[in-house]
């Protein structure tokens, strides 16, 4: 899919991408300025693999205030979120381990395989809430971790407290770790995001992963952090120490500034996303054969389509005929068949033009 888009663009064709998972905003100027000041001050050398004290203090303050997680400094580490998924799974892994992963869900299977584990996929109900009976049925003696993603990429679902509590109680009783990916925590619509780690008196079962990429439009900065018990944090520290050594201190300075001063930017972005979500839903309502899902969080829709072809074929044909890029639902698991993921992280004009082309695609098949 990506190669086809690049080939079309190289030929001078205009491709409208509704596939990208990146905010269309630039990083706020004050965050950039914080990094610049840090570099000018000389913060360009090695630092601790845990992260600099400034950012770790900001992390702990934020998760206590905003997420209700009772963390201390020793429970924190600065690490880009995609890498933190791998590092967290590594910290939980044992020889021959199994990991329960969401289907549909983000691309968690490959890190499990790279670590010598076995991905086992759990189901969702018709509203894309976690099917706890399926989790309980598939959890076995080799299960060491359940991966959770709320708000969910690609389904847009924000899990309720009752579902999180039941999952937490089950995993705590079985001593199964929960790796909770909360990269989209600040992009919610009409609901409140809840961190499953807030159910603990102190970090124990839950490994909470957070990102600055979506909240502050900092995708290129590779800035994120994890909260967990000290044993897990130590293993993640050793992983960083023996690979990256450390993350750039000026990026950590910018991250600390964002965590301490970035609520206004989050609010501004959230207003834009609400408008784009409404526009996308309005545009989808005009297309016969495209059934929207309920979008509670993230900047993705995951609608059903009625055209009789596999999701991968649908996405490829749409790209070939209308120069619109979306992701097939099966990119996120077998249960994504018959769906596509459409991003509204782009501008209103791009949403409107892209969905106009999608409408013509459907109209051409009546």
Protein backbone atom coordinates (compact mmCIF):
# COMPACT_ATOMS: atom_id res chain seq x y z
CA UNK A 1 0.00 0.00 0.00
CA UNK A 2 2.71 2.49 0.99
CA UNK A 3 4.81 1.62 -2.08
CA UNK A 4 1.80 2.11 -4.37
CA UNK A 5 1.15 5.54 -2.85
CA UNK A 6 4.80 6.53 -3.36
CA UNK A 7 4.78 5.28 -6.96
CA UNK A 8 1.64 7.29 -7.73
CA UNK A 9 3.09 10.40 -6.15
CA UNK A 10 6.33 9.93 -8.13
CA UNK A 11 4.22 9.95 -11.30
CA UNK A 12 2.74 13.27 -10.24
CA UNK A 13 -0.64 11.88 -9.17
CA UNK A 14 -2.36 13.53 -6.22
CA UNK A 15 -3.10 10.89 -3.59
CA UNK A 16 -5.44 11.86 -0.76
CA UNK A 17 -4.28 9.97 2.33
CA UNK A 18 -6.85 9.07 4.96
CA UNK A 19 -4.52 6.33 6.18
CA UNK A 20 -1.95 8.28 8.18
CA UNK A 21 -1.92 8.05 11.97
CA UNK A 22 -0.27 11.39 12.61
CA UNK A 23 -1.63 14.78 13.70
CA UNK A 24 -1.65 17.35 10.89
CA UNK A 25 -0.56 20.01 13.41
CA UNK A 26 2.96 21.28 13.93
CA UNK A 27 4.50 20.87 17.37
CA UNK A 28 3.59 23.96 19.47
CA UNK A 29 6.26 26.65 19.34
CA UNK A 30 6.84 26.76 23.10
CA UNK A 31 7.74 23.06 23.12
CA UNK A 32 10.21 23.57 20.27
CA UNK A 33 11.67 26.55 22.13
CA UNK A 34 12.18 24.41 25.26
CA UNK A 35 14.28 21.96 23.23
CA UNK A 36 16.25 24.79 21.63
CA UNK A 37 17.04 26.39 24.99
CA UNK A 38 18.14 23.02 26.33
CA UNK A 39 20.51 22.49 23.41
CA UNK A 40 21.90 26.01 23.71
CA UNK A 41 22.50 25.38 27.40
CA UNK A 42 24.68 22.39 26.53
CA UNK A 43 22.25 19.51 27.11
CA UNK A 44 23.74 17.45 24.29
CA UNK A 45 25.60 14.74 26.23
CA UNK A 46 24.90 11.32 27.68
CA UNK A 47 22.30 11.13 30.45
CA UNK A 48 20.77 8.37 32.54
CA UNK A 49 19.03 5.55 30.69
CA UNK A 50 16.07 6.13 33.01
CA UNK A 51 15.70 9.71 31.77
CA UNK A 52 16.73 13.05 33.25
CA UNK A 53 15.29 13.96 36.67
CA UNK A 54 13.38 16.91 35.20
CA UNK A 55 11.29 14.78 32.86
CA UNK A 56 10.79 11.93 35.33
CA UNK A 57 9.43 14.39 37.91
CA UNK A 58 7.10 15.84 35.27
CA UNK A 59 5.96 12.32 34.32
CA UNK A 60 5.17 11.34 37.90
CA UNK A 61 3.36 14.60 38.58
CA UNK A 62 1.27 14.20 35.43
CA UNK A 63 0.19 10.57 35.98
CA UNK A 64 -0.72 11.25 39.61
CA UNK A 65 -2.71 14.37 38.73
CA UNK A 66 -4.29 13.32 35.46
CA UNK A 67 -4.39 9.52 35.43
CA UNK A 68 -4.82 8.75 39.11
CA UNK A 69 -1.79 6.44 39.09
CA UNK A 70 0.04 6.48 42.41
CA UNK A 71 3.55 6.43 41.00
CA UNK A 72 6.87 7.45 42.49
CA UNK A 73 10.05 8.44 40.66
CA UNK A 74 11.29 4.83 40.74
CA UNK A 75 8.19 3.76 38.80
CA UNK A 76 9.00 5.99 35.79
CA UNK A 77 11.16 5.84 32.70
CA UNK A 78 11.40 8.01 29.57
CA UNK A 79 11.09 5.89 26.44
CA UNK A 80 9.42 6.39 23.09
CA UNK A 81 6.08 4.59 23.15
CA UNK A 82 6.48 2.19 20.23
CA UNK A 83 9.78 1.03 21.69
CA UNK A 84 8.17 0.86 25.12
CA UNK A 85 5.73 -1.76 23.82
CA UNK A 86 8.66 -4.00 22.90
CA UNK A 87 10.55 -3.21 26.10
CA UNK A 88 7.49 -3.83 28.30
CA UNK A 89 6.83 -7.19 26.62
CA UNK A 90 10.52 -8.04 27.03
CA UNK A 91 10.28 -7.24 30.74
CA UNK A 92 7.27 -9.55 31.09
CA UNK A 93 8.51 -12.35 28.83
CA UNK A 94 9.57 -15.85 29.83
CA UNK A 95 10.67 -18.69 27.53
CA UNK A 96 7.67 -19.91 25.53
CA UNK A 97 5.36 -17.23 26.91
CA UNK A 98 1.99 -16.28 25.47
CA UNK A 99 0.55 -12.79 25.20
CA UNK A 100 -3.16 -12.02 24.81
CA UNK A 101 -3.62 -9.31 22.19
CA UNK A 102 -6.70 -7.43 20.91
CA UNK A 103 -8.27 -8.34 17.55
CA UNK A 104 -8.79 -5.92 15.92
CA UNK A 105 -5.90 -4.04 17.42
CA UNK A 106 -2.61 -2.29 16.86
CA UNK A 107 0.44 -4.23 15.64
CA UNK A 108 1.44 -5.93 18.89
CA UNK A 109 1.95 -9.41 17.42
CA UNK A 110 5.34 -8.85 15.81
CA UNK A 111 7.11 -7.77 19.02
CA UNK A 112 5.77 -10.88 20.73
CA UNK A 113 7.10 -13.08 17.92
CA UNK A 114 10.48 -11.31 17.97
CA UNK A 115 10.72 -12.14 21.67
CA UNK A 116 10.04 -15.82 21.02
CA UNK A 117 6.48 -15.66 22.35
CA UNK A 118 3.13 -16.71 20.96
CA UNK A 119 0.45 -14.12 20.17
CA UNK A 120 -3.04 -15.25 21.20
CA UNK A 121 -5.84 -12.95 20.07
CA UNK A 122 -8.87 -12.13 22.18
CA UNK A 123 -12.18 -10.95 20.77
CA UNK A 124 -14.37 -7.91 21.26
CA UNK A 125 -18.12 -7.68 21.54
CA UNK A 126 -20.28 -6.03 18.86
CA UNK A 127 -19.47 -2.56 20.30
CA UNK A 128 -15.73 -3.29 20.32
CA UNK A 129 -15.56 -3.50 24.10
CA UNK A 130 -13.26 -6.21 25.42
CA UNK A 131 -14.85 -9.68 25.55
CA UNK A 132 -13.78 -10.67 29.05
CA UNK A 133 -15.18 -14.19 28.74
CA UNK A 134 -12.92 -14.73 25.74
CA UNK A 135 -9.91 -13.36 27.64
CA UNK A 136 -10.61 -15.71 30.54
CA UNK A 137 -11.11 -18.66 28.20
CA UNK A 138 -7.85 -18.07 26.32
CA UNK A 139 -5.65 -17.27 29.33
CA UNK A 140 -3.55 -20.31 30.18
CA UNK A 141 -0.51 -21.24 32.25
CA UNK A 142 1.83 -19.69 29.66
CA UNK A 143 -0.03 -16.38 29.54
CA UNK A 144 2.22 -13.70 31.01
CA UNK A 145 0.66 -10.53 29.65
CA UNK A 146 -2.59 -9.06 28.33
CA UNK A 147 -2.18 -6.05 26.06
CA UNK A 148 -4.85 -3.38 26.35
CA UNK A 149 -5.35 -0.32 24.15
CA UNK A 150 -7.81 2.36 25.20
CA UNK A 151 -8.74 4.59 23.45
CA UNK A 152 -8.39 1.96 20.76
CA UNK A 153 -6.59 2.13 17.44
CA UNK A 154 -8.37 1.26 15.13
CA UNK A 155 -11.84 0.89 16.67
CA UNK A 156 -12.12 4.25 18.45
CA UNK A 157 -13.52 2.53 21.54
CA UNK A 158 -12.90 3.95 25.03
CA UNK A 159 -13.24 1.22 27.64
CA UNK A 160 -15.48 1.76 30.67
CA UNK A 161 -14.40 1.40 34.29
CA UNK A 162 -16.42 -1.79 34.76
CA UNK A 163 -14.59 -3.59 31.94
CA UNK A 164 -11.20 -2.36 33.15
CA UNK A 165 -11.96 -3.39 36.75
CA UNK A 166 -13.04 -6.89 35.77
CA UNK A 167 -9.95 -7.37 33.61
CA UNK A 168 -7.69 -6.00 36.33
CA UNK A 169 -9.18 -8.26 39.03
CA UNK A 170 -8.75 -11.32 36.81
CA UNK A 171 -5.15 -10.51 35.90
CA UNK A 172 -4.19 -9.54 39.45
CA UNK A 173 -5.57 -12.85 40.72
CA UNK A 174 -3.64 -14.81 38.07
CA UNK A 175 -0.50 -12.62 38.31
CA UNK A 176 -0.76 -11.78 34.63
CA UNK A 177 0.68 -8.41 33.65
CA UNK A 178 -1.47 -5.84 31.86
CA UNK A 179 0.42 -3.73 29.33
CA UNK A 180 -1.84 -0.72 28.82
CA UNK A 181 -1.19 1.36 25.70
CA UNK A 182 -2.76 4.79 26.30
CA UNK A 183 -1.23 6.75 23.41
CA UNK A 184 -4.58 8.39 22.55
CA UNK A 185 -5.59 9.31 26.11
CA UNK A 186 -6.22 12.98 25.25
CA UNK A 187 -8.35 12.38 22.15
CA UNK A 188 -11.80 11.41 23.47
CA UNK A 189 -15.33 12.49 22.58
CA UNK A 190 -18.08 12.61 25.18
CA UNK A 191 -16.34 10.14 27.50
CA UNK A 192 -13.51 10.28 30.00
CA UNK A 193 -10.42 8.16 29.53
CA UNK A 194 -9.57 5.98 32.51
CA UNK A 195 -6.15 4.43 33.17
CA UNK A 196 -6.38 0.86 34.41
CA UNK A 197 -3.27 1.61 36.51
CA UNK A 198 -5.41 3.91 38.68
CA UNK A 199 -7.00 0.79 40.19
CA UNK A 200 -3.75 -0.03 42.01
CA UNK A 201 -2.51 1.46 45.29
CA UNK A 202 0.92 1.50 43.68
CA UNK A 203 2.21 0.17 40.32
CA UNK A 204 2.20 -3.62 40.43
CA UNK A 205 0.31 -5.62 37.79
CA UNK A 206 -0.13 -2.81 35.26
CA UNK A 207 2.53 -1.44 32.92
CA UNK A 208 1.15 1.90 31.67
CA UNK A 209 2.51 3.30 28.40
CA UNK A 210 2.02 6.91 27.34
CA UNK A 211 2.98 9.03 24.35
CA UNK A 212 3.50 12.69 23.58
CA UNK A 213 3.12 12.03 19.85
CA UNK A 214 -0.64 12.42 19.55
CA UNK A 215 -1.36 14.69 22.50
CA UNK A 216 1.19 17.35 21.57
CA UNK A 217 1.75 16.69 17.82
CA UNK A 218 5.26 15.40 18.59
CA UNK A 219 5.42 12.28 16.41
CA UNK A 220 8.90 13.02 15.08
CA UNK A 221 10.33 13.63 18.55
CA UNK A 222 9.89 9.99 19.65
CA UNK A 223 8.89 11.01 23.15
CA UNK A 224 6.97 8.86 25.59
CA UNK A 225 7.19 7.19 28.97
CA UNK A 226 6.20 4.16 31.00
CA UNK A 227 4.98 3.61 34.56
CA UNK A 228 5.40 0.23 36.23
CA UNK A 229 6.76 -1.49 39.31
CA UNK A 230 10.47 -1.11 39.91
CA UNK A 231 11.40 -4.58 38.58
CA UNK A 232 9.81 -3.92 35.21
CA UNK A 233 11.25 -0.41 35.05
CA UNK A 234 14.71 -1.80 35.81
CA UNK A 235 14.44 -4.30 32.93
CA UNK A 236 13.33 -1.53 30.59
CA UNK A 237 16.27 0.55 31.83
CA UNK A 238 18.70 -2.28 31.03
CA UNK A 239 17.17 -2.60 27.58
CA UNK A 240 17.76 1.09 26.85
CA UNK A 241 21.23 1.02 28.43
CA UNK A 242 22.30 -1.80 26.12
CA UNK A 243 20.74 -0.40 22.93
CA UNK A 244 20.21 3.37 22.77
CA UNK A 245 22.25 4.24 25.88
CA UNK A 246 19.84 7.13 26.47
CA UNK A 247 17.39 9.46 24.75
CA UNK A 248 18.49 13.00 23.80
CA UNK A 249 18.29 15.26 26.86
CA UNK A 250 16.97 18.25 24.87
CA UNK A 251 14.00 16.13 23.71
CA UNK A 252 13.39 15.19 27.34
CA UNK A 253 13.47 18.89 28.28
CA UNK A 254 10.84 19.57 25.63
CA UNK A 255 8.76 16.65 26.91
CA UNK A 256 8.94 17.94 30.49
CA UNK A 257 7.79 21.36 29.30
CA UNK A 258 4.89 19.81 27.37
CA UNK A 259 3.74 17.72 30.34
CA UNK A 260 3.84 20.72 32.65
CA UNK A 261 2.50 23.43 30.32
CA UNK A 262 0.76 21.77 27.39
CA UNK A 263 -2.89 21.54 28.47
CA UNK A 264 -3.85 24.51 26.31
CA UNK A 265 -2.43 22.83 23.20
CA UNK A 266 -4.26 19.61 24.05
CA UNK A 267 -7.50 21.55 24.33
CA UNK A 268 -6.92 23.34 21.01
CA UNK A 269 -6.19 20.08 19.20
CA UNK A 270 -9.22 18.41 20.81
CA UNK A 271 -11.52 21.13 19.47
CA UNK A 272 -10.16 20.58 15.96
CA UNK A 273 -10.58 16.81 16.22
CA UNK A 274 -14.20 17.17 17.33
CA UNK A 275 -14.91 19.29 14.25
CA UNK A 276 -13.17 16.83 11.94
CA UNK A 277 -14.95 13.89 13.52
CA UNK A 278 -18.31 15.57 12.90
CA UNK A 279 -17.34 16.34 9.30
CA UNK A 280 -16.25 12.75 8.68
CA UNK A 281 -19.45 11.33 10.18
CA UNK A 282 -21.52 13.73 8.06
CA UNK A 283 -19.64 12.68 4.93
CA UNK A 284 -20.01 8.96 5.73
CA UNK A 285 -23.76 9.41 6.26
CA UNK A 286 -24.02 10.46 2.59
CA UNK A 287 -22.49 7.20 1.34
CA UNK A 288 -24.81 4.24 0.79
CA UNK A 289 -22.95 1.09 1.70
CA UNK A 290 -20.66 2.55 4.35
CA UNK A 291 -21.78 1.97 7.95
CA UNK A 292 -20.03 4.19 10.53
CA UNK A 293 -18.94 2.87 13.91
CA UNK A 294 -19.22 4.84 17.14
CA UNK A 295 -16.06 6.94 17.52
CA UNK A 296 -15.46 7.54 21.24
CA UNK A 297 -11.75 8.31 20.98
CA UNK A 298 -8.67 8.53 18.71
CA UNK A 299 -8.85 10.15 15.28
CA UNK A 300 -9.94 7.04 13.40
CA UNK A 301 -13.20 5.67 12.05
CA UNK A 302 -13.56 1.93 11.48
CA UNK A 303 -16.68 1.61 9.31
CA UNK A 304 -18.16 -1.46 7.62
CA UNK A 305 -18.48 -1.48 3.85
CA UNK A 306 -21.06 -3.43 1.86
CA UNK A 307 -19.12 -3.97 -1.38
CA UNK A 308 -18.46 -7.67 -1.84
CA UNK A 309 -14.67 -7.85 -1.80
CA UNK A 310 -12.00 -8.50 0.83
CA UNK A 311 -10.86 -5.48 2.82
CA UNK A 312 -7.38 -5.56 1.29
CA UNK A 313 -8.83 -5.63 -2.24
CA UNK A 314 -11.23 -2.81 -1.32
CA UNK A 315 -8.37 -0.58 -0.14
CA UNK A 316 -6.20 -1.36 -3.17
CA UNK A 317 -9.05 -0.78 -5.63
CA UNK A 318 -10.03 2.49 -3.96
CA UNK A 319 -6.44 3.67 -4.25
CA UNK A 320 -6.17 2.60 -7.89
CA UNK A 321 -9.47 4.12 -9.01
CA UNK A 322 -9.83 7.24 -6.84
CA UNK A 323 -6.32 7.88 -5.47
CA UNK A 324 -7.55 7.67 -1.88
CA UNK A 325 -5.51 5.75 0.69
CA UNK A 326 -7.19 4.00 3.62
CA UNK A 327 -6.06 0.99 5.63
CA UNK A 328 -7.85 -2.36 5.28
CA UNK A 329 -9.40 -3.56 8.51
CA UNK A 330 -7.50 -6.84 8.27
CA UNK A 331 -4.25 -4.93 8.86
CA UNK A 332 -5.42 -4.96 12.49
CA UNK A 333 -6.53 -8.59 12.69
CA UNK A 334 -8.83 -11.12 11.07
CA UNK A 335 -11.94 -9.63 12.69
CA UNK A 336 -11.30 -6.41 10.78
CA UNK A 337 -12.55 -8.05 7.59
CA UNK A 338 -15.27 -5.99 5.91
CA UNK A 339 -13.97 -2.75 7.46
CA UNK A 340 -11.45 -0.02 6.72
CA UNK A 341 -9.68 2.45 8.97
CA UNK A 342 -10.15 6.08 7.97
CA UNK A 343 -8.09 8.79 9.66
CA UNK A 344 -9.46 12.26 10.36
CA UNK A 345 -6.17 13.56 11.77
CA UNK A 346 -5.81 15.48 8.50
CA UNK A 347 -7.31 18.89 7.63
CA UNK A 348 -11.02 19.44 6.98
CA UNK A 349 -10.30 20.01 3.29
CA UNK A 350 -8.49 16.68 3.01
CA UNK A 351 -11.29 14.87 4.86
CA UNK A 352 -13.90 16.40 2.55
CA UNK A 353 -11.99 15.73 -0.67
CA UNK A 354 -11.07 12.19 0.35
CA UNK A 355 -14.59 11.25 1.36
CA UNK A 356 -15.97 12.80 -1.83
CA UNK A 357 -13.78 10.40 -3.77
CA UNK A 358 -14.89 7.50 -1.56
CA UNK A 359 -18.52 8.43 -2.32
CA UNK A 360 -17.82 8.37 -6.07
CA UNK A 361 -16.18 4.96 -5.64
CA UNK A 362 -19.37 3.58 -4.10
CA UNK A 363 -21.64 5.31 -6.59
CA UNK A 364 -19.72 3.71 -9.45
CA UNK A 365 -20.71 0.27 -8.14
CA UNK A 366 -24.46 0.71 -7.84
